[in-house]
């Protein structure tokens, strides 16, 4: 895999049209309090936000992700950012391709428009500031490697778990592909 080094600023000039960044992802889970503990223990800066959670990285005010309560665990929606002058043109292009716009989910405010993509994922395109990562950040809960390199925890049945208790979960090592009871 090739690492991309440096950053090229996008330009809304010259007739270019498109989104400039992934603004946030939103997950649906049966119990937001379990998700709050998991993501806090993981090292994210988690805040209650109405009926859901705002997921941020330490030292960054941007809400990178969200968690809302729902019937089951799933990706609820993706939100992409665009420049204000591009929003009407993007909306016209989406509708021109036969994609039906839908109302925002109840309780969510938006300055953009919503639709279901080809993959049936609810998608929002809205006016937002351009986002970029500031590189790897260390987790507040644990010194050492960046969060992304933490080992995966699985329960004895092989499913991911938010419980880090040795009685209910085991650590999957790089040399072990499957676990058994």
Foldseek 3Di string as FASTA:
>chain_A
DDDDDDDDDDDPPDVDADFQFFQAWEKEAADQVLVQVLLVLLFWDWDDDPQWIFTHHPPDPGRHYIYHYDDHIDTQATETAHAPVRQVVVVCVCVVVVWDWDDPPPPDDAQHTWGQDPVRHIYTYHHDDRDDDPPFDDGPNDDDDGSVPDFFKAFQVGHGDSDPDPVGIDTADPVHDHHHD
